[in-house]
Each structure stands twice: as C-alpha cells, then as structure tokens.
Amino acid sequence: MDLSGVFPALTTPYSGDGSVSIADLKHNIQQYNRTGLAGYVAMGSTGESVLLSRAEAETVLITVKENAARDKKLIAGTGAESTTETIERTKRAAELGYDSALVKTPYYYKPAYKPENYITHYQRVADASPIPVLLYSVPQFTGVALEPPEVAKLAEHPNIIGMKESSGNVQRVAEIIASVPDGFQVLVGSAATIYPSIVLGARGAILALGSALPEKCVELYSLIRQSQHEKGRELQEVILRASKLVVSECGIAGVKYVMDQRGYRGGVPRLPLLPLKDEQKKRVNALLEALEPAAMRA
C-alpha cells in the first residue's frame, strides 16, 4: 500500500444542535475529491475523535467512505487506551472499507508505560488487524512519543507499514527514517516541516492544514517530488507561517475557521474546545489576505 502524497486530517462539522453534521461532512469530502489529495484520514486528532461517542465516530467513518472518490485512500483513526478496544475499532474500520488504521499511542497510564508496553500493544493490534497499521506518535497531545528504537522494532512486523510522526522535530523524523527498512513509510504530521521531511525520505504527510489549504499542501509536495527546490522552499515558508498561526496557535478552531473562509464547512469545535475570539479571527483574516496571491489561489 503506497501512502505517498498529502492526506488531510479531516475535521468533524456539527449542526446547530451540536450533533455531527453529515451534510456538511459530505460537502467537504465532495470538495476535497476535486483536489490532488491522496486520500483522507478520518477520526484523527483534528477530527476531535476523543470528543465523539463511538456511534458518532462510526457515522463519520461511514460518511467519509460513502462520499470519497474511488481513487482516494482511506485511513481511519482507531487508537484507544486499551489494546482490546483498539482491536475492535480497527476491525470495524476494516469492515467499513478503510484501507489502513492509524493507531495513536495509549497515554493515560504513562508513568507505567515502558517501551515493552508499546511494542506489545502495537504487535497485538497488528496481529489482529485485517488491514495495515500505521503507528501514530503525537506527543503534543498525549505527552508520550514513540522513540526510534521502538519504531524500528515495530517496523519488523509485516502488518505495520508505517507511521505518522507529529512531533514537528525534523531530527526525530530523520532518526526514524534511518532506523527502519526502506519499505516502512513515514508520514509527517507537521505542515511546518514538510519540505525537510520529504527531502530526508518521508513518504508523505497527514496534515491538519490539509483540511484548510489542501491545494497548496499538495502543490508543495509536488514541487519537492519534481526537485523544484527553490519554489518548494518559498512555498514552505508560506505554509510555515500559516501553520504557525492557524494550527499551532489557534488549533482546531483555527483550522475550521479558515475552512469557512474558503468554501468548506468548518464551524466551531465541540466543548470544552472553544471557537476563535474576535482578535484571533482578525489575525487569521489578515494572514489570509496577505497570502492571497501565494497561498489562496488553487
């Protein structure tokens, strides 16, 4: 399974009553189908997966599957705190037709978790999964990270085909790539580091910013693959500024706000996350206006 390219970390839109809006999610997917995105990641961190019920998560997975273009690869976030629950969610994603499962690290009992805990967890999930597994290390949310030696050990498993590395640390990405077999696919989760990560050997990217500026994230990936490095570095600078404000500073609410400005349906996040304040909206609007020639025209 080739995971080259850019995958947006899909957001979850809500209706006025706070329920998941199937209509808005369908609209977004149909819009994304017209772009060069390689596929979609549903129920990841940007999708507010930890704030949704099991039934709501399934609704999202079904809606994405039913509306995705046939050439788009589908990745489902299935990680849970227990190995048993993770296996159940992963099997369900396979039943729904997803191509791969993105499994975040358990983190609640982090003082008790040693490398052997993570290795055993992922090996058991991969043994039971009908679809390939991607490791998911996102220390900014979980407070724990998969280290290169752990990744190298897990890369030996035939059903663990890659990982999403979201630390934003290019050195860590390089160390992981150097420690795994050539067929193991590293996808970066930080839009600010697409250029150096791809040059170092990352296969692609799963990006929150990909939901807000999909065309330009895809363009940057294409420039790198075509060895147009000067243009690639210039566009990376643009994307870095956008990522810093929209994703790092404003979070999911920022991603959703930019989506609203660009014809997608973002809306507001679910409590306890809060929507942007007026001052934040002004800063984002100013950024979008300044980036119009370079980053907003697809």
Protein backbone atom coordinates (compact mmCIF):
# COMPACT_ATOMS: atom_id res chain seq x y z
CA MET A 1 0.00 0.00 0.00
CA ASP A 2 1.60 3.23 -1.19
CA LEU A 3 0.89 6.21 1.08
CA SER A 4 2.74 8.81 -0.96
CA GLY A 5 1.17 12.25 -1.05
CA VAL A 6 -0.81 14.54 1.22
CA PHE A 7 -3.71 13.40 3.40
CA PRO A 8 -5.85 15.95 5.25
CA ALA A 9 -6.63 15.22 8.87
CA LEU A 10 -10.37 15.68 8.41
CA THR A 11 -12.37 17.88 10.74
CA THR A 12 -15.77 16.93 12.12
CA PRO A 13 -18.52 19.51 11.46
CA TYR A 14 -21.50 19.92 13.79
CA SER A 15 -25.09 21.00 13.28
CA GLY A 16 -26.72 23.79 15.26
CA ASP A 17 -27.86 21.33 17.92
CA GLY A 18 -24.31 20.07 18.41
CA SER A 19 -24.75 16.76 16.61
CA VAL A 20 -22.39 15.62 13.84
CA SER A 21 -23.44 17.21 10.56
CA ILE A 22 -23.45 14.51 7.91
CA ALA A 23 -24.47 17.03 5.25
CA ASP A 24 -21.53 19.33 5.97
CA LEU A 25 -19.06 16.46 6.10
CA LYS A 26 -20.40 15.19 2.78
CA HIS A 27 -19.97 18.68 1.29
CA ASN A 28 -16.35 18.84 2.44
CA ILE A 29 -15.45 15.43 1.05
CA GLN A 30 -17.01 16.25 -2.30
CA GLN A 31 -14.95 19.43 -2.42
CA TYR A 32 -11.76 17.61 -1.47
CA ASN A 33 -12.42 15.00 -4.16
CA ARG A 34 -11.62 17.71 -6.72
CA THR A 35 -8.13 18.26 -5.31
CA GLY A 36 -4.92 16.28 -5.64
CA LEU A 37 -5.13 14.91 -2.10
CA ALA A 38 -4.00 11.29 -1.89
CA GLY A 39 -6.82 10.33 0.44
CA TYR A 40 -8.40 11.12 3.77
CA VAL A 41 -7.73 10.47 7.44
CA ALA A 42 -10.94 10.27 9.44
CA MET A 43 -11.17 10.28 13.22
CA GLY A 44 -7.70 11.60 13.92
CA SER A 45 -6.78 14.32 16.40
CA THR A 46 -8.06 17.14 14.17
CA GLY A 47 -11.34 15.24 13.81
CA GLU A 48 -11.91 15.68 17.57
CA SER A 49 -12.02 11.90 17.88
CA VAL A 50 -11.65 11.95 21.67
CA LEU A 51 -14.72 14.19 21.96
CA LEU A 52 -17.02 11.94 19.93
CA SER A 53 -19.03 8.92 21.02
CA ARG A 54 -18.39 5.54 19.42
CA ALA A 55 -21.65 5.89 17.45
CA GLU A 56 -20.70 9.36 16.22
CA ALA A 57 -17.27 8.16 15.15
CA GLU A 58 -18.86 5.39 13.13
CA THR A 59 -21.19 7.90 11.47
CA VAL A 60 -18.16 9.92 10.41
CA LEU A 61 -16.33 6.87 9.07
CA ILE A 62 -19.35 5.76 7.07
CA THR A 63 -19.97 9.23 5.61
CA VAL A 64 -16.36 9.64 4.53
CA LYS A 65 -16.30 6.18 2.96
CA GLU A 66 -19.56 6.73 1.06
CA ASN A 67 -18.50 10.07 -0.39
CA ALA A 68 -14.78 9.65 -1.06
CA ALA A 69 -13.71 9.33 -4.69
CA ARG A 70 -12.63 5.82 -5.60
CA ASP A 71 -9.01 6.82 -6.10
CA LYS A 72 -8.66 8.25 -2.58
CA LYS A 73 -7.02 6.06 0.05
CA LEU A 74 -8.86 5.96 3.37
CA ILE A 75 -7.21 5.85 6.78
CA ALA A 76 -9.23 5.52 9.99
CA GLY A 77 -8.07 6.65 13.40
CA THR A 78 -8.75 3.63 15.63
CA GLY A 79 -6.47 4.09 18.63
CA ALA A 80 -7.93 3.68 22.11
CA GLU A 81 -6.49 3.35 25.58
CA SER A 82 -6.89 -0.41 25.75
CA THR A 83 -5.48 -2.91 23.29
CA THR A 84 -8.81 -4.75 23.17
CA GLU A 85 -10.79 -1.64 22.28
CA THR A 86 -8.22 -0.63 19.68
CA ILE A 87 -8.53 -4.04 18.01
CA GLU A 88 -12.32 -3.79 17.98
CA ARG A 89 -12.26 -0.34 16.42
CA THR A 90 -9.67 -1.41 13.86
CA LYS A 91 -11.70 -4.44 12.81
CA ARG A 92 -14.77 -2.23 12.43
CA ALA A 93 -12.85 0.23 10.23
CA ALA A 94 -11.82 -2.70 8.04
CA GLU A 95 -15.46 -3.83 7.77
CA LEU A 96 -16.41 -0.33 6.65
CA GLY A 97 -13.87 -0.47 3.83
CA TYR A 98 -10.93 1.53 5.16
CA ASP A 99 -7.52 0.80 3.71
CA SER A 100 -5.43 1.34 6.83
CA ALA A 101 -5.71 2.10 10.54
CA LEU A 102 -3.93 4.95 12.30
CA VAL A 103 -3.28 3.90 15.88
CA LYS A 104 -2.22 6.52 18.41
CA THR A 105 -0.17 5.65 21.46
CA PRO A 106 -2.05 4.86 24.68
CA TYR A 107 -1.10 7.54 27.19
CA TYR A 108 -3.31 7.70 30.27
CA TYR A 109 -1.10 5.48 32.43
CA LYS A 110 2.09 6.99 31.06
CA PRO A 111 4.15 6.51 34.27
CA ALA A 112 3.68 2.76 33.86
CA TYR A 113 4.31 2.62 30.12
CA LYS A 114 7.75 1.45 29.04
CA PRO A 115 8.93 0.55 25.52
CA GLU A 116 7.76 -3.04 26.01
CA ASN A 117 4.21 -1.82 26.70
CA TYR A 118 4.01 -0.02 23.38
CA ILE A 119 5.73 -2.79 21.46
CA THR A 120 3.34 -5.40 22.86
CA HIS A 121 0.30 -3.17 22.27
CA TYR A 122 1.08 -2.49 18.63
CA GLN A 123 2.14 -6.05 17.88
CA ARG A 124 -1.16 -7.39 19.25
CA VAL A 125 -3.17 -4.84 17.27
CA ALA A 126 -1.24 -5.59 14.08
CA ASP A 127 -1.65 -9.34 14.61
CA ALA A 128 -5.42 -8.96 14.84
CA SER A 129 -5.95 -6.23 12.25
CA PRO A 130 -7.38 -7.19 8.84
CA ILE A 131 -5.86 -4.00 7.39
CA PRO A 132 -2.35 -2.49 7.57
CA VAL A 133 -1.50 -0.48 10.67
CA LEU A 134 0.16 2.91 10.95
CA LEU A 135 1.80 3.91 14.23
CA TYR A 136 0.78 7.37 15.45
CA SER A 137 3.10 9.36 17.68
CA VAL A 138 1.66 12.74 18.70
CA PRO A 139 3.45 13.84 21.88
CA GLN A 140 1.97 17.35 21.91
CA PHE A 141 -1.40 15.76 22.76
CA THR A 142 -0.51 12.52 24.50
CA GLY A 143 2.64 13.50 26.36
CA VAL A 144 4.42 10.37 25.11
CA ALA A 145 6.43 9.64 21.97
CA LEU A 146 7.48 6.54 20.12
CA GLU A 147 11.26 6.55 20.07
CA PRO A 148 13.30 5.38 17.06
CA PRO A 149 14.34 2.03 18.65
CA GLU A 150 10.68 1.20 19.34
CA VAL A 151 9.67 2.17 15.82
CA ALA A 152 12.49 0.08 14.37
CA LYS A 153 11.33 -2.96 16.34
CA LEU A 154 7.70 -2.49 15.31
CA ALA A 155 8.69 -1.94 11.67
CA GLU A 156 9.69 -5.61 11.61
CA HIS A 157 6.02 -6.59 11.83
CA PRO A 158 4.63 -7.35 8.36
CA ASN A 159 1.31 -5.63 9.09
CA ILE A 160 2.83 -2.38 10.43
CA ILE A 161 3.58 -0.46 7.25
CA GLY A 162 4.44 3.00 8.50
CA MET A 163 3.78 5.77 10.97
CA LYS A 164 2.56 9.31 11.37
CA GLU A 165 5.23 11.30 13.22
CA SER A 166 3.72 14.52 14.53
CA SER A 167 6.36 15.91 16.88
CA GLY A 168 7.48 18.55 14.39
CA ASN A 169 11.05 17.56 15.16
CA VAL A 170 12.93 17.05 11.89
CA GLN A 171 15.85 15.36 13.64
CA ARG A 172 13.48 12.77 15.11
CA VAL A 173 11.99 12.16 11.66
CA ALA A 174 15.48 11.66 10.24
CA GLU A 175 16.45 9.26 13.03
CA ILE A 176 13.32 7.19 12.49
CA ILE A 177 13.82 7.02 8.72
CA ALA A 178 17.42 5.92 9.27
CA SER A 179 16.33 3.16 11.66
CA VAL A 180 13.61 1.46 9.60
CA PRO A 181 13.59 -0.64 6.39
CA ASP A 182 13.13 1.15 3.08
CA GLY A 183 9.56 -0.09 2.72
CA PHE A 184 8.43 1.44 6.01
CA GLN A 185 6.54 4.65 5.21
CA VAL A 186 6.98 7.70 7.43
CA LEU A 187 4.30 10.37 7.13
CA VAL A 188 4.85 13.70 8.85
CA GLY A 189 2.11 15.46 10.78
CA SER A 190 3.57 18.96 10.84
CA ALA A 191 2.96 21.26 7.88
CA ALA A 192 5.87 23.40 9.02
CA THR A 193 8.30 20.57 8.28
CA ILE A 194 7.00 19.10 5.01
CA TYR A 195 9.94 20.20 2.88
CA PRO A 196 12.84 18.96 5.03
CA SER A 197 10.99 15.78 5.99
CA ILE A 198 10.22 14.75 2.40
CA VAL A 199 13.77 15.56 1.32
CA LEU A 200 15.02 13.31 4.13
CA GLY A 201 12.88 10.44 2.94
CA ALA A 202 9.40 10.80 4.41
CA ARG A 203 6.79 9.31 2.08
CA GLY A 204 4.07 11.88 2.61
CA ALA A 205 2.13 13.94 5.14
CA ILE A 206 -1.07 13.85 7.19
CA LEU A 207 -1.91 17.46 7.94
CA ALA A 208 -4.46 19.50 9.84
CA LEU A 209 -3.61 22.35 7.49
CA GLY A 210 -4.50 19.99 4.65
CA SER A 211 -8.15 20.46 5.59
CA ALA A 212 -7.87 24.24 5.29
CA LEU A 213 -5.32 24.72 2.47
CA PRO A 214 -5.32 21.38 0.67
CA GLU A 215 -4.32 22.71 -2.75
CA LYS A 216 -1.15 24.38 -1.54
CA CYS A 217 -0.09 21.49 0.67
CA VAL A 218 -0.41 19.25 -2.39
CA GLU A 219 1.47 21.79 -4.50
CA LEU A 220 4.37 21.83 -2.05
CA TYR A 221 4.58 18.05 -2.08
CA SER A 222 4.58 18.04 -5.88
CA LEU A 223 7.32 20.67 -6.09
CA ILE A 224 9.56 18.61 -3.83
CA ARG A 225 8.95 15.44 -5.80
CA GLN A 226 9.75 17.31 -9.02
CA SER A 227 13.01 18.60 -7.47
CA GLN A 228 11.86 22.21 -7.86
CA HIS A 229 13.59 23.07 -4.64
CA GLU A 230 13.70 26.86 -4.86
CA LYS A 231 9.95 27.09 -5.43
CA GLY A 232 9.43 24.41 -2.81
CA ARG A 233 11.36 26.31 -0.17
CA GLU A 234 9.46 29.50 -0.96
CA LEU A 235 6.11 27.76 -0.61
CA GLN A 236 7.26 26.03 2.57
CA GLU A 237 7.88 29.45 4.11
CA VAL A 238 4.32 30.46 3.25
CA ILE A 239 2.90 27.25 4.67
CA LEU A 240 5.07 27.56 7.78
CA ARG A 241 3.56 30.96 8.60
CA ALA A 242 0.04 29.67 8.01
CA SER A 243 0.67 26.55 10.07
CA LYS A 244 2.13 28.51 12.98
CA LEU A 245 -0.88 30.79 13.33
CA VAL A 246 -3.76 28.61 12.17
CA VAL A 247 -2.74 25.24 13.61
CA SER A 248 -0.18 25.80 16.36
CA GLU A 249 -1.70 28.94 17.89
CA CYS A 250 -5.40 28.64 17.05
CA GLY A 251 -5.77 24.87 16.96
CA ILE A 252 -8.78 23.02 15.58
CA ALA A 253 -10.90 26.15 15.87
CA GLY A 254 -8.42 27.94 13.61
CA VAL A 255 -8.47 25.18 11.00
CA LYS A 256 -12.25 25.21 10.97
CA TYR A 257 -12.38 29.00 10.69
CA VAL A 258 -10.10 29.02 7.65
CA MET A 259 -12.23 26.29 6.11
CA ASP A 260 -15.28 28.53 6.48
CA GLN A 261 -13.45 31.32 4.66
CA ARG A 262 -12.55 29.02 1.76
CA GLY A 263 -15.85 27.39 0.86
CA TYR A 264 -15.63 24.38 3.13
CA ARG A 265 -17.81 23.84 6.18
CA GLY A 266 -15.76 24.06 9.31
CA GLY A 267 -17.95 25.54 12.00
CA VAL A 268 -16.94 25.52 15.63
CA PRO A 269 -15.29 22.78 17.69
CA ARG A 270 -17.05 20.83 20.42
CA LEU A 271 -16.77 21.87 24.07
CA PRO A 272 -14.54 22.03 26.01
CA LEU A 273 -12.74 23.39 22.92
CA LEU A 274 -13.79 26.97 22.20
CA PRO A 275 -14.27 28.88 18.93
CA LEU A 276 -11.87 31.65 17.95
CA LYS A 277 -12.13 35.01 19.64
CA ASP A 278 -12.62 38.13 17.51
CA GLU A 279 -8.98 39.13 17.93
CA GLN A 280 -7.85 35.73 16.66
CA LYS A 281 -10.22 35.94 13.70
CA LYS A 282 -8.74 39.31 12.76
CA ARG A 283 -5.23 37.89 12.81
CA VAL A 284 -6.23 34.92 10.70
CA ASN A 285 -8.12 37.14 8.25
CA ALA A 286 -5.06 39.38 7.90
CA LEU A 287 -2.91 36.33 7.22
CA LEU A 288 -5.28 35.05 4.56
CA GLU A 289 -5.45 38.42 2.87
CA ALA A 290 -1.66 38.70 2.86
CA LEU A 291 -1.29 35.19 1.48
CA GLU A 292 -3.93 35.51 -1.22
CA PRO A 293 -1.55 35.65 -4.20
CA ALA A 294 0.74 32.90 -2.90
CA ALA A 295 -1.45 30.59 -0.93
CA MET A 296 -5.12 31.04 -1.67
CA ARG A 297 -5.43 30.62 -5.41
CA ALA A 298 -5.69 26.98 -6.34
